[in-house]
Amino acid sequence: MPGISRYSVVAAGISFFHITETNSGKVHGFRQRYQDAWELARYLER
């Protein structure tokens, strides 16, 4: 579906972010910086 993001960035602790699949909640990656997590989420969208 266009316009709906498949992945989201979720805070998981102090300076720690999970990249989760929106539908299932499954964690597909993690990063320490929000910007890096956001970039990984965009990469996984492709």
PDB file of N, CA and C in Angstrom:
ATOM      1  N   MET A   1       0.835  -1.174   0.000  1.00  0.00           N
ATOM      2  CA  MET A   1       0.000   0.000   0.000  1.00  0.00           C
ATOM      3  C   MET A   1       0.886   1.246   0.000  1.00  0.00           C
ATOM      4  N   PRO A   2       0.674   2.115  -0.937  1.00  0.00           N
ATOM      5  CA  PRO A   2       1.476   3.330  -0.957  1.00  0.00           C
ATOM      6  C   PRO A   2       1.128   4.244   0.210  1.00  0.00           C
ATOM      7  N   GLY A   3       2.147   4.880   0.761  1.00  0.00           N
ATOM      8  CA  GLY A   3       1.922   5.822   1.850  1.00  0.00           C
ATOM      9  C   GLY A   3       1.955   5.210   3.235  1.00  0.00           C
ATOM     10  N   ILE A   4       1.905   3.891   3.336  1.00  0.00           N
ATOM     11  CA  ILE A   4       1.949   3.235   4.643  1.00  0.00           C
ATOM     12  C   ILE A   4       3.318   2.583   4.806  1.00  0.00           C
ATOM     13  N   SER A   5       3.993   2.934   5.881  1.00  0.00           N
ATOM     14  CA  SER A   5       5.340   2.436   6.119  1.00  0.00           C
ATOM     15  C   SER A   5       5.293   1.018   6.677  1.00  0.00           C
ATOM     16  N   ARG A   6       6.133   0.148   6.150  1.00  0.00           N
ATOM     17  CA  ARG A   6       6.178  -1.241   6.608  1.00  0.00           C
ATOM     18  C   ARG A   6       7.011  -1.385   7.879  1.00  0.00           C
ATOM     19  N   TYR A   7       7.970  -0.467   8.080  1.00  0.00           N
ATOM     20  CA  TYR A   7       8.861  -0.526   9.236  1.00  0.00           C
ATOM     21  C   TYR A   7       8.758   0.760  10.035  1.00  0.00           C
ATOM     22  N   SER A   8       8.972   0.645  11.343  1.00  0.00           N
ATOM     23  CA  SER A   8       8.984   1.828  12.194  1.00  0.00           C
ATOM     24  C   SER A   8      10.175   1.759  13.134  1.00  0.00           C
ATOM     25  N   VAL A   9      10.593   2.926  13.599  1.00  0.00           N
ATOM     26  CA  VAL A   9      11.710   3.036  14.535  1.00  0.00           C
ATOM     27  C   VAL A   9      11.118   3.224  15.926  1.00  0.00           C
ATOM     28  N   VAL A  10      11.516   2.358  16.860  1.00  0.00           N
ATOM     29  CA  VAL A  10      10.964   2.363  18.212  1.00  0.00           C
ATOM     30  C   VAL A  10      12.098   2.517  19.219  1.00  0.00           C
ATOM     31  N   ALA A  11      11.957   3.465  20.137  1.00  0.00           N
ATOM     32  CA  ALA A  11      12.956   3.626  21.199  1.00  0.00           C
ATOM     33  C   ALA A  11      12.935   2.383  22.081  1.00  0.00           C
ATOM     34  N   ALA A  12      14.128   1.825  22.348  1.00  0.00           N
ATOM     35  CA  ALA A  12      14.218   0.581  23.114  1.00  0.00           C
ATOM     36  C   ALA A  12      15.113   0.724  24.338  1.00  0.00           C
ATOM     37  N   GLY A  13      15.484   1.924  24.670  1.00  0.00           N
ATOM     38  CA  GLY A  13      16.360   2.164  25.812  1.00  0.00           C
ATOM     39  C   GLY A  13      17.089   3.477  25.621  1.00  0.00           C
ATOM     40  N   ILE A  14      18.062   3.722  26.447  1.00  0.00           N
ATOM     41  CA  ILE A  14      18.839   4.949  26.336  1.00  0.00           C
ATOM     42  C   ILE A  14      19.759   4.829  25.125  1.00  0.00           C
ATOM     43  N   SER A  15      19.555   5.711  24.157  1.00  0.00           N
ATOM     44  CA  SER A  15      20.343   5.718  22.910  1.00  0.00           C
ATOM     45  C   SER A  15      20.326   4.366  22.209  1.00  0.00           C
ATOM     46  N   PHE A  16      19.142   3.749  22.117  1.00  0.00           N
ATOM     47  CA  PHE A  16      19.019   2.447  21.480  1.00  0.00           C
ATOM     48  C   PHE A  16      17.664   2.371  20.794  1.00  0.00           C
ATOM     49  N   PHE A  17      17.646   2.015  19.516  1.00  0.00           N
ATOM     50  CA  PHE A  17      16.417   2.011  18.731  1.00  0.00           C
ATOM     51  C   PHE A  17      16.273   0.704  17.969  1.00  0.00           C
ATOM     52  N   HIS A  18      15.062   0.154  17.969  1.00  0.00           N
ATOM     53  CA  HIS A  18      14.743  -1.044  17.198  1.00  0.00           C
ATOM     54  C   HIS A  18      14.039  -0.626  15.913  1.00  0.00           C
ATOM     55  N   ILE A  19      14.307  -1.348  14.842  1.00  0.00           N
ATOM     56  CA  ILE A  19      13.563  -1.194  13.607  1.00  0.00           C
ATOM     57  C   ILE A  19      12.598  -2.368  13.572  1.00  0.00           C
ATOM     58  N   THR A  20      11.314  -2.086  13.703  1.00  0.00           N
ATOM     59  CA  THR A  20      10.314  -3.147  13.811  1.00  0.00           C
ATOM     60  C   THR A  20       9.373  -3.142  12.611  1.00  0.00           C
ATOM     61  N   GLU A  21       8.911  -4.335  12.261  1.00  0.00           N
ATOM     62  CA  GLU A  21       7.900  -4.462  11.223  1.00  0.00           C
ATOM     63  C   GLU A  21       6.570  -4.022  11.826  1.00  0.00           C
ATOM     64  N   THR A  22       5.891  -3.122  11.150  1.00  0.00           N
ATOM     65  CA  THR A  22       4.675  -2.522  11.693  1.00  0.00           C
ATOM     66  C   THR A  22       3.584  -3.557  11.950  1.00  0.00           C
ATOM     67  N   ASN A  23       3.365  -4.489  11.030  1.00  0.00           N
ATOM     68  CA  ASN A  23       2.271  -5.460  11.168  1.00  0.00           C
ATOM     69  C   ASN A  23       2.505  -6.484  12.268  1.00  0.00           C
ATOM     70  N   SER A  24       3.708  -7.047  12.326  1.00  0.00           N
ATOM     71  CA  SER A  24       3.958  -8.150  13.257  1.00  0.00           C
ATOM     72  C   SER A  24       4.656  -7.729  14.543  1.00  0.00           C
ATOM     73  N   GLY A  25       5.343  -6.586  14.518  1.00  0.00           N
ATOM     74  CA  GLY A  25       6.107  -6.158  15.683  1.00  0.00           C
ATOM     75  C   GLY A  25       7.471  -6.817  15.785  1.00  0.00           C
ATOM     76  N   LYS A  26       7.829  -7.624  14.784  1.00  0.00           N
ATOM     77  CA  LYS A  26       9.116  -8.320  14.778  1.00  0.00           C
ATOM     78  C   LYS A  26      10.257  -7.321  14.567  1.00  0.00           C
ATOM     79  N   VAL A  27      11.311  -7.464  15.372  1.00  0.00           N
ATOM     80  CA  VAL A  27      12.472  -6.583  15.267  1.00  0.00           C
ATOM     81  C   VAL A  27      13.371  -7.068  14.131  1.00  0.00           C
ATOM     82  N   HIS A  28      13.693  -6.166  13.209  1.00  0.00           N
ATOM     83  CA  HIS A  28      14.534  -6.506  12.064  1.00  0.00           C
ATOM     84  C   HIS A  28      15.929  -5.910  12.162  1.00  0.00           C
ATOM     85  N   GLY A  29      16.173  -5.101  13.168  1.00  0.00           N
ATOM     86  CA  GLY A  29      17.494  -4.516  13.333  1.00  0.00           C
ATOM     87  C   GLY A  29      17.495  -3.558  14.503  1.00  0.00           C
ATOM     88  N   PHE A  30      18.673  -3.058  14.818  1.00  0.00           N
ATOM     89  CA  PHE A  30      18.788  -2.083  15.897  1.00  0.00           C
ATOM     90  C   PHE A  30      19.979  -1.184  15.626  1.00  0.00           C
ATOM     91  N   ARG A  31      19.909   0.018  16.147  1.00  0.00           N
ATOM     92  CA  ARG A  31      20.981   1.000  16.014  1.00  0.00           C
ATOM     93  C   ARG A  31      21.038   1.841  17.280  1.00  0.00           C
ATOM     94  N   GLN A  32      22.177   2.482  17.502  1.00  0.00           N
ATOM     95  CA  GLN A  32      22.325   3.342  18.670  1.00  0.00           C
ATOM     96  C   GLN A  32      21.920   4.781  18.379  1.00  0.00           C
ATOM     97  N   ARG A  33      21.982   5.186  17.135  1.00  0.00           N
ATOM     98  CA  ARG A  33      21.572   6.551  16.783  1.00  0.00           C
ATOM     99  C   ARG A  33      20.251   6.509  16.027  1.00  0.00           C
ATOM    100  N   TYR A  34      19.357   7.464  16.327  1.00  0.00           N
ATOM    101  CA  TYR A  34      18.059   7.516  15.664  1.00  0.00           C
ATOM    102  C   TYR A  34      18.217   7.662  14.153  1.00  0.00           C
ATOM    103  N   GLN A  35      19.118   8.536  13.729  1.00  0.00           N
ATOM    104  CA  GLN A  35      19.322   8.758  12.294  1.00  0.00           C
ATOM    105  C   GLN A  35      19.724   7.466  11.587  1.00  0.00           C
ATOM    106  N   ASP A  36      20.605   6.693  12.190  1.00  0.00           N
ATOM    107  CA  ASP A  36      21.022   5.415  11.599  1.00  0.00           C
ATOM    108  C   ASP A  36      19.857   4.430  11.540  1.00  0.00           C
ATOM    109  N   ALA A  37      19.037   4.408  12.580  1.00  0.00           N
ATOM    110  CA  ALA A  37      17.871   3.523  12.611  1.00  0.00           C
ATOM    111  C   ALA A  37      16.877   3.907  11.517  1.00  0.00           C
ATOM    112  N   TRP A  38      16.666   5.193  11.356  1.00  0.00           N
ATOM    113  CA  TRP A  38      15.744   5.684  10.338  1.00  0.00           C
ATOM    114  C   TRP A  38      16.240   5.311   8.944  1.00  0.00           C
ATOM    115  N   GLU A  39      17.541   5.455   8.710  1.00  0.00           N
ATOM    116  CA  GLU A  39      18.108   5.093   7.411  1.00  0.00           C
ATOM    117  C   GLU A  39      17.976   3.598   7.135  1.00  0.00           C
ATOM    118  N   LEU A  40      18.159   2.759   8.154  1.00  0.00           N
ATOM    119  CA  LEU A  40      17.981   1.318   7.977  1.00  0.00           C
ATOM    120  C   LEU A  40      16.521   0.992   7.667  1.00  0.00           C
ATOM    121  N   ALA A  41      15.595   1.641   8.338  1.00  0.00           N
ATOM    122  CA  ALA A  41      14.170   1.416   8.070  1.00  0.00           C
ATOM    123  C   ALA A  41      13.838   1.781   6.625  1.00  0.00           C
ATOM    124  N   ARG A  42      14.367   2.879   6.138  1.00  0.00           N
ATOM    125  CA  ARG A  42      14.138   3.271   4.743  1.00  0.00           C
ATOM    126  C   ARG A  42      14.753   2.255   3.785  1.00  0.00           C
ATOM    127  N   TYR A  43      15.934   1.757   4.111  1.00  0.00           N
ATOM    128  CA  TYR A  43      16.595   0.753   3.276  1.00  0.00           C
ATOM    129  C   TYR A  43      15.755  -0.530   3.207  1.00  0.00           C
ATOM    130  N   LEU A  44      15.214  -0.953   4.343  1.00  0.00           N
ATOM    131  CA  LEU A  44      14.409  -2.174   4.387  1.00  0.00           C
ATOM    132  C   LEU A  44      13.094  -2.028   3.621  1.00  0.00           C
ATOM    133  N   GLU A  45      12.612  -0.802   3.462  1.00  0.00           N
ATOM    134  CA  GLU A  45      11.370  -0.564   2.717  1.00  0.00           C
ATOM    135  C   GLU A  45      11.516  -0.951   1.247  1.00  0.00           C
ATOM    136  N   ARG A  46      12.733  -0.892   0.732  1.00  0.00           N
ATOM    137  CA  ARG A  46      12.928  -1.189  -0.698  1.00  0.00           C
ATOM    138  C   ARG A  46      12.784  -2.631  -1.003  1.00  0.00           C
TER     139      ARG A  46
END
